[in-house]
Amino acid sequence: MNKYVKYGLITIVSVGILGAVVYFLKQNSTPTQIYETESLERKDIVNKVIVTGKVIPEDEINIKPQISGIIDKIHLEEGVDVKAGDLIAVIKVVPNEQSLNQAAGRVRNAELALNNAKIEFDRNKALFDKGVISSQDFNNQQLTYDQAVQELTNSRADYQIIRKGSAGGSSSANTNIRATVSGTILEIPVEEGDQVIQSNNFNDGTTIATIADMNKMIFEGEVDEAEVGKLSVGMPLEISLGALEKNKFDAELKFIAPKGVEEEGAVQFKIEGDLVVNDSTYVRAGYSANASIVLEEKKDVLAIKEALLQFDKETEKPYVEVEVSENEFERKELELGVSDGIDVEVVSGIEEGDKIKVWNKLEKKSDEDDS
């Protein structure tokens, strides 16, 4: 083979090998990830808490009987407006046989005692008129007689109360269940024929009706312990009701529970707010509701998405990576302000024109991964 041809082949092979090496190095120097960038934007950021709860009357009054018996007649229905003193229901007394017998025996004993006291009184009066006994002895006998008369009156009244529910059939008989306050009847949980129990020191008694003033409504909800420290009495609330989606109601936070209750591993604190009800809108008790509480608000501030933030593993301080050249980034520590959970205010650390690395989004994969 001609030496020139031989040298030519060697040269061609060498150039080919060199080209392959350069191509290989170039391919491996190409980054496997191409990052997108985003810039700061001017936004209004509102940090608020959404609390779920319900709308209920401020005060609900349970009407309970003062005597046990059976519901004889219900005169009103649920939803009716009532005034204090209106008759709601009437109870028919079913006396206890033992109590009735004891009361009747007390009446008979009182009659016997009165008869005896009358005889003694008449005898001592005759002696006093003749001057045989002193006025003090006569006065003591008269006192005994008067007490016997009063005991008979009391025993007869007790007998009538046990037998009929009232003494002498007065208009304020315990058998008449009347409204104690003005308002709307929310519920009548009993029906005619139901047996009811009186309210006493040992028993709350049966509820005949529940009455509330529907013009005084409150929002009642629960706040997580992570948020309750940011609330204070007097803060404004915006209430939205599930049943009245188009209506918004204003309220004012008036109560924050001093003690939390653990529910499913989380501690919840009860809050209440006075609701301002429009005359044109009828709000029913028990509507589910959401309360929006604004904790902090900033207008027209520089902000970025929270997803762009990274945090130092040691100091836990926030930072972002700012593009300095094509696909090259420089770390910048930030001072942050208000956050709404999606966007966060940037107080310092970067400027409005900076391009921020979208660090957690993989845009391009290597050929090996694709295969």
Protein backbone atom coordinates (compact mmCIF):
# COMPACT_ATOMS: atom_id res chain seq x y z
CA MET A 1 0.00 0.00 0.00
CA ASN A 2 1.23 3.46 -0.86
CA LYS A 3 2.48 5.22 2.22
CA TYR A 4 0.50 8.34 1.31
CA VAL A 5 -2.68 6.34 1.13
CA LYS A 6 -1.84 4.75 4.45
CA TYR A 7 -1.23 8.09 6.12
CA GLY A 8 -4.44 9.40 4.62
CA LEU A 9 -6.48 6.57 6.09
CA ILE A 10 -4.86 7.06 9.48
CA THR A 11 -5.70 10.77 9.34
CA ILE A 12 -9.32 10.09 8.42
CA VAL A 13 -9.73 7.55 11.23
CA SER A 14 -8.13 9.93 13.74
CA VAL A 15 -10.41 12.77 12.73
CA GLY A 16 -13.41 10.48 13.03
CA ILE A 17 -12.38 9.32 16.48
CA LEU A 18 -11.76 12.91 17.59
CA GLY A 19 -15.13 13.98 16.28
CA ALA A 20 -16.85 11.15 18.12
CA VAL A 21 -15.12 12.11 21.36
CA VAL A 22 -16.10 15.77 20.96
CA TYR A 23 -19.70 14.79 20.21
CA PHE A 24 -19.79 12.48 23.22
CA LEU A 25 -18.40 15.16 25.52
CA LYS A 26 -20.84 17.70 24.18
CA GLN A 27 -23.79 15.39 24.72
CA ASN A 28 -22.77 14.66 28.31
CA SER A 29 -22.23 18.35 29.07
CA THR A 30 -25.85 19.17 28.15
CA PRO A 31 -27.96 19.50 31.36
CA THR A 32 -30.66 16.89 31.86
CA GLN A 33 -33.03 19.39 33.45
CA ILE A 34 -34.28 22.58 31.88
CA TYR A 35 -35.92 24.80 34.51
CA GLU A 36 -38.66 27.29 33.90
CA THR A 37 -38.66 30.65 35.64
CA GLU A 38 -41.27 32.96 37.08
CA SER A 39 -41.18 36.61 38.11
CA LEU A 40 -42.60 38.59 41.00
CA GLU A 41 -46.10 39.99 40.61
CA ARG A 42 -47.99 42.74 42.36
CA LYS A 43 -51.02 41.31 44.18
CA ASP A 44 -53.45 41.86 47.01
CA ILE A 45 -52.79 39.24 49.67
CA VAL A 46 -55.37 38.44 52.32
CA ASN A 47 -54.51 36.04 55.14
CA LYS A 48 -57.80 34.69 56.44
CA VAL A 49 -59.21 31.77 58.38
CA ILE A 50 -62.31 29.86 57.23
CA VAL A 51 -64.33 28.44 60.12
CA THR A 52 -67.15 25.95 59.60
CA GLY A 53 -70.15 25.99 61.90
CA LYS A 54 -73.85 26.80 62.04
CA VAL A 55 -76.27 29.63 62.72
CA ILE A 56 -78.39 29.27 65.84
CA PRO A 57 -80.54 31.57 68.02
CA GLU A 58 -78.65 33.34 70.77
CA ASP A 59 -81.03 31.98 73.41
CA GLU A 60 -83.28 28.92 73.25
CA ILE A 61 -85.78 28.45 76.08
CA ASN A 62 -87.09 24.99 76.89
CA ILE A 63 -90.62 25.00 78.30
CA LYS A 64 -91.09 22.22 80.87
CA PRO A 65 -94.11 21.19 82.96
CA GLN A 66 -94.41 21.76 86.70
CA ILE A 67 -96.45 18.61 87.11
CA SER A 68 -96.38 15.10 85.65
CA GLY A 69 -99.19 13.84 83.47
CA ILE A 70 -100.35 13.21 79.90
CA ILE A 71 -100.54 15.76 77.08
CA ASP A 72 -104.26 16.38 76.69
CA LYS A 73 -104.21 19.13 74.02
CA ILE A 74 -101.59 21.02 72.00
CA HIS A 75 -102.88 24.43 70.93
CA LEU A 76 -99.98 25.76 68.81
CA GLU A 77 -97.67 24.51 66.06
CA GLU A 78 -93.96 24.79 65.33
CA GLY A 79 -92.98 28.02 63.59
CA VAL A 80 -95.71 30.10 65.24
CA ASP A 81 -94.76 33.41 66.88
CA VAL A 82 -95.88 33.60 70.51
CA LYS A 83 -95.92 36.13 73.32
CA ALA A 84 -95.14 35.46 76.95
CA GLY A 85 -98.20 33.91 78.57
CA ASP A 86 -99.69 32.31 75.44
CA LEU A 87 -101.16 28.86 76.05
CA ILE A 88 -99.16 26.13 74.30
CA ALA A 89 -100.57 22.88 75.70
CA VAL A 90 -102.70 21.41 78.48
CA ILE A 91 -101.73 18.46 80.65
CA LYS A 92 -104.21 15.97 82.08
CA VAL A 93 -103.12 14.90 85.52
CA VAL A 94 -102.94 11.18 86.22
CA PRO A 95 -102.46 11.14 90.00
CA ASN A 96 -100.35 8.58 91.76
CA GLU A 97 -102.68 6.33 93.72
CA GLN A 98 -100.43 6.23 96.75
CA SER A 99 -99.92 10.00 96.84
CA LEU A 100 -103.66 10.56 96.36
CA ASN A 101 -104.49 8.19 99.23
CA GLN A 102 -101.96 9.88 101.52
CA ALA A 103 -103.40 13.30 100.70
CA ALA A 104 -106.94 12.10 101.41
CA GLY A 105 -105.77 10.65 104.75
CA ARG A 106 -104.17 13.97 105.65
CA VAL A 107 -107.48 15.72 104.99
CA ARG A 108 -109.33 13.28 107.29
CA ASN A 109 -106.73 13.72 110.04
CA ALA A 110 -107.01 17.49 109.72
CA GLU A 111 -110.81 17.28 110.04
CA LEU A 112 -110.50 15.15 113.20
CA ALA A 113 -107.95 17.53 114.69
CA LEU A 114 -110.16 20.52 113.88
CA ASN A 115 -113.20 18.93 115.51
CA ASN A 116 -111.23 18.27 118.67
CA ALA A 117 -109.77 21.77 118.67
CA LYS A 118 -113.29 23.23 118.22
CA ILE A 119 -114.59 21.37 121.26
CA GLU A 120 -111.68 22.53 123.40
CA PHE A 121 -112.02 26.08 122.09
CA ASP A 122 -115.76 26.26 122.89
CA ARG A 123 -115.20 24.86 126.41
CA ASN A 124 -112.36 27.26 127.21
CA LYS A 125 -114.31 30.20 125.80
CA ALA A 126 -117.17 29.50 128.23
CA LEU A 127 -114.71 29.29 131.12
CA PHE A 128 -112.99 32.50 130.01
CA ASP A 129 -116.34 34.32 129.83
CA LYS A 130 -116.99 33.30 133.47
CA GLY A 131 -113.50 34.44 134.48
CA VAL A 132 -112.36 30.96 135.47
CA ILE A 133 -109.24 30.88 133.20
CA SER A 134 -106.79 33.58 132.31
CA SER A 135 -106.68 35.36 128.96
CA GLN A 136 -103.29 33.76 128.24
CA ASP A 137 -104.72 30.24 128.54
CA PHE A 138 -107.64 31.21 126.31
CA ASN A 139 -105.33 32.77 123.69
CA ASN A 140 -103.24 29.58 123.54
CA GLN A 141 -106.38 27.55 122.94
CA GLN A 142 -107.56 29.94 120.23
CA LEU A 143 -104.15 29.65 118.53
CA THR A 144 -104.46 25.86 118.51
CA TYR A 145 -107.93 26.13 116.95
CA ASP A 146 -106.77 28.59 114.25
CA GLN A 147 -103.85 26.32 113.36
CA ALA A 148 -106.20 23.36 112.99
CA VAL A 149 -108.38 25.40 110.60
CA GLN A 150 -105.34 26.36 108.51
CA GLU A 151 -104.04 22.78 108.42
CA LEU A 152 -107.39 21.56 107.07
CA THR A 153 -107.34 24.26 104.36
CA ASN A 154 -103.78 23.32 103.33
CA SER A 155 -104.47 19.60 103.24
CA ARG A 156 -107.58 20.10 101.07
CA ALA A 157 -105.58 22.28 98.66
CA ASP A 158 -102.80 19.69 98.42
CA TYR A 159 -105.38 17.01 97.72
CA GLN A 160 -106.85 19.06 94.87
CA ILE A 161 -103.38 19.73 93.39
CA ILE A 162 -102.55 16.02 93.37
CA ARG A 163 -105.98 15.11 91.99
CA LYS A 164 -106.51 17.89 89.41
CA GLY A 165 -103.20 19.71 89.12
CA SER A 166 -104.42 22.95 90.70
CA ALA A 167 -106.12 24.23 93.83
CA GLY A 168 -109.56 25.67 93.16
CA GLY A 169 -109.24 25.55 89.32
CA SER A 170 -107.28 28.82 89.08
CA SER A 171 -106.32 30.21 85.65
CA SER A 172 -102.63 29.71 86.47
CA ALA A 173 -103.05 25.97 86.93
CA ASN A 174 -99.93 23.86 86.58
CA THR A 175 -101.73 21.86 83.91
CA ASN A 176 -101.66 24.85 81.52
CA ILE A 177 -98.29 25.04 79.73
CA ARG A 178 -97.66 28.65 78.71
CA ALA A 179 -94.86 30.49 76.91
CA THR A 180 -92.47 32.09 79.37
CA VAL A 181 -90.89 34.41 76.75
CA SER A 182 -91.84 35.96 73.44
CA GLY A 183 -90.40 34.45 70.25
CA THR A 184 -90.88 31.67 67.72
CA ILE A 185 -91.68 28.06 68.57
CA LEU A 186 -88.76 26.11 67.11
CA GLU A 187 -89.84 22.66 68.18
CA ILE A 188 -92.63 20.79 69.95
CA PRO A 189 -91.08 17.37 70.60
CA VAL A 190 -94.21 15.85 72.19
CA GLU A 191 -97.59 14.78 70.85
CA GLU A 192 -101.03 14.52 72.36
CA GLY A 193 -101.16 11.43 74.54
CA ASP A 194 -97.47 11.49 75.46
CA GLN A 195 -96.58 11.17 79.11
CA VAL A 196 -94.48 13.99 80.55
CA ILE A 197 -92.44 14.37 83.73
CA GLN A 198 -92.30 17.51 85.85
CA SER A 199 -89.11 19.51 86.32
CA ASN A 200 -87.60 19.19 89.79
CA ASN A 201 -84.29 19.07 91.64
CA PHE A 202 -83.61 15.52 90.48
CA ASN A 203 -84.95 15.60 86.92
CA ASP A 204 -84.79 18.17 84.11
CA GLY A 205 -88.30 17.20 83.10
CA THR A 206 -89.83 16.68 79.67
CA THR A 207 -89.48 19.53 77.17
CA ILE A 208 -92.91 20.57 75.88
CA ALA A 209 -91.65 23.27 73.50
CA THR A 210 -88.53 25.22 72.56
CA ILE A 211 -88.85 28.99 72.00
CA ALA A 212 -86.27 31.42 70.62
CA ASP A 213 -86.05 34.99 69.36
CA MET A 214 -85.18 34.58 65.66
CA ASN A 215 -84.07 38.22 65.42
CA LYS A 216 -81.06 37.48 67.64
CA MET A 217 -78.93 34.93 65.79
CA ILE A 218 -75.30 33.95 66.34
CA PHE A 219 -72.68 32.01 64.39
CA GLU A 220 -71.19 29.10 66.31
CA GLY A 221 -68.11 27.26 65.05
CA GLU A 222 -64.84 25.62 66.02
CA VAL A 223 -61.28 26.83 65.34
CA ASP A 224 -58.13 24.71 65.34
CA GLU A 225 -55.54 25.42 68.03
CA ALA A 226 -53.06 26.54 65.34
CA GLU A 227 -55.34 29.48 64.43
CA VAL A 228 -57.06 30.40 67.70
CA GLY A 229 -54.06 32.41 68.93
CA LYS A 230 -54.49 34.80 65.99
CA LEU A 231 -58.09 35.67 66.90
CA SER A 232 -59.36 38.36 69.25
CA VAL A 233 -62.81 39.43 70.41
CA GLY A 234 -64.28 42.16 68.21
CA MET A 235 -62.83 40.96 64.90
CA PRO A 236 -65.25 41.20 61.93
CA LEU A 237 -66.65 38.03 60.35
CA GLU A 238 -68.20 37.45 56.95
CA ILE A 239 -70.81 34.68 57.13
CA SER A 240 -71.96 32.65 54.15
CA LEU A 241 -74.81 30.17 54.51
CA GLY A 242 -75.09 26.92 52.60
CA ALA A 243 -78.83 27.41 52.10
CA LEU A 244 -78.49 31.05 51.00
CA GLU A 245 -75.47 31.02 48.72
CA LYS A 246 -76.03 34.50 47.29
CA ASN A 247 -76.31 36.21 50.67
CA LYS A 248 -73.43 37.38 52.85
CA PHE A 249 -73.92 38.41 56.46
CA ASP A 250 -71.74 40.51 58.71
CA ALA A 251 -70.93 39.41 62.23
CA GLU A 252 -68.61 40.32 65.07
CA LEU A 253 -66.57 37.82 67.07
CA LYS A 254 -67.82 37.99 70.66
CA PHE A 255 -66.58 34.80 72.32
CA ILE A 256 -63.52 32.52 72.17
CA ALA A 257 -63.60 29.46 74.42
CA PRO A 258 -60.88 29.49 77.10
CA LYS A 259 -60.67 25.68 76.92
CA GLY A 260 -60.35 23.46 73.87
CA VAL A 261 -61.91 20.08 73.20
CA GLU A 262 -59.97 17.26 71.54
CA GLU A 263 -61.71 15.87 68.47
CA GLU A 264 -60.08 13.14 66.38
CA GLY A 265 -56.62 14.04 67.63
CA ALA A 266 -56.96 17.82 67.09
CA VAL A 267 -57.85 20.41 69.74
CA GLN A 268 -60.77 22.64 68.73
CA PHE A 269 -61.90 25.88 70.36
CA LYS A 270 -65.49 27.08 70.21
CA ILE A 271 -66.14 30.61 68.93
CA GLU A 272 -69.32 32.69 68.65
CA GLY A 273 -70.18 35.82 66.68
CA ASP A 274 -73.25 38.09 66.68
CA LEU A 275 -74.97 37.87 63.29
CA VAL A 276 -76.56 40.90 61.65
CA VAL A 277 -79.77 39.58 60.02
CA ASN A 278 -81.53 41.55 57.28
CA ASP A 279 -85.27 42.07 57.65
CA SER A 280 -85.76 40.86 54.08
CA THR A 281 -83.96 37.55 54.66
CA TYR A 282 -85.37 34.81 56.86
CA VAL A 283 -82.59 32.81 58.49
CA ARG A 284 -83.64 29.47 59.97
CA ALA A 285 -82.03 27.99 63.04
CA GLY A 286 -79.45 25.31 62.29
CA TYR A 287 -78.29 26.52 58.85
CA SER A 288 -74.73 25.33 58.12
CA ALA A 289 -72.39 28.29 57.67
CA ASN A 290 -68.80 29.31 56.99
CA ALA A 291 -67.19 32.31 58.66
CA SER A 292 -64.32 34.13 56.97
CA ILE A 293 -62.04 35.92 59.44
CA VAL A 294 -59.41 38.29 57.97
CA LEU A 295 -56.21 38.08 60.03
CA GLU A 296 -54.03 40.36 57.89
CA GLU A 297 -54.34 42.10 54.52
CA LYS A 298 -51.83 43.79 52.19
CA LYS A 299 -52.68 45.74 49.01
CA ASP A 300 -50.53 45.87 45.85
CA VAL A 301 -47.38 44.17 47.19
CA LEU A 302 -44.65 42.15 45.45
CA ALA A 303 -45.43 38.47 45.80
CA ILE A 304 -44.40 35.04 44.55
CA LYS A 305 -45.99 31.64 44.77
CA GLU A 306 -45.13 29.70 47.89
CA ALA A 307 -44.26 26.70 45.71
CA LEU A 308 -41.14 28.58 44.53
CA LEU A 309 -39.70 28.79 48.04
CA GLN A 310 -36.96 26.52 49.34
CA PHE A 311 -35.76 26.29 52.93
CA ASP A 312 -32.28 25.85 54.31
CA LYS A 313 -31.90 22.48 56.04
CA GLU A 314 -29.94 23.97 58.96
CA THR A 315 -31.36 27.46 59.49
CA GLU A 316 -34.82 26.76 57.94
CA LYS A 317 -34.67 30.23 56.40
CA PRO A 318 -36.47 30.69 53.05
CA TYR A 319 -34.61 31.30 49.82
CA VAL A 320 -35.06 31.13 46.04
CA GLU A 321 -32.71 30.62 43.11
CA VAL A 322 -32.46 33.56 40.68
CA GLU A 323 -31.31 33.10 37.08
CA VAL A 324 -27.95 34.78 36.35
CA SER A 325 -27.45 33.22 32.89
CA GLU A 326 -29.10 30.55 30.77
CA ASN A 327 -30.03 27.69 33.11
CA GLU A 328 -27.64 28.98 35.80
CA PHE A 329 -29.02 30.19 39.10
CA GLU A 330 -27.82 31.99 42.20
CA ARG A 331 -29.26 31.53 45.70
CA LYS A 332 -30.99 34.55 47.28
CA GLU A 333 -32.30 34.56 50.87
CA LEU A 334 -35.67 36.24 51.40
CA GLU A 335 -37.57 38.16 54.01
CA LEU A 336 -41.25 37.28 53.72
CA GLY A 337 -44.46 38.98 54.81
CA VAL A 338 -48.14 38.07 54.57
CA SER A 339 -49.20 34.74 53.06
CA ASP A 340 -52.57 33.43 51.97
CA GLY A 341 -51.36 29.87 51.52
CA ILE A 342 -50.80 30.27 47.78
CA ASP A 343 -48.94 33.56 47.36
CA VAL A 344 -46.56 35.19 49.83
CA GLU A 345 -45.34 38.77 50.12
CA VAL A 346 -41.63 39.36 49.43
CA VAL A 347 -40.28 42.09 51.72
CA SER A 348 -36.65 41.95 50.58
CA GLY A 349 -34.04 39.70 48.97
CA ILE A 350 -35.02 39.90 45.28
CA GLU A 351 -36.26 42.57 42.89
CA GLU A 352 -39.24 42.83 40.60
CA GLY A 353 -37.39 41.90 37.39
CA ASP A 354 -35.63 38.80 38.75
CA LYS A 355 -36.39 35.41 37.19
CA ILE A 356 -37.00 32.78 39.85
CA LYS A 357 -36.30 29.10 39.31
CA VAL A 358 -39.22 26.69 39.35
CA TRP A 359 -37.12 24.17 41.27
CA ASN A 360 -39.62 21.37 41.75
CA LYS A 361 -40.73 20.95 38.11
CA LEU A 362 -38.78 18.53 35.84
CA GLU A 363 -39.02 19.78 32.27
CA LYS A 364 -36.70 17.41 30.31
CA LYS A 365 -35.37 13.92 31.00
CA SER A 366 -32.28 12.17 29.72
CA ASP A 367 -32.55 9.68 26.86
CA GLU A 368 -31.82 6.91 29.33
CA ASP A 369 -34.84 7.78 31.44
CA ASP A 370 -37.04 8.05 28.36
CA SER A 371 -36.15 4.57 27.33
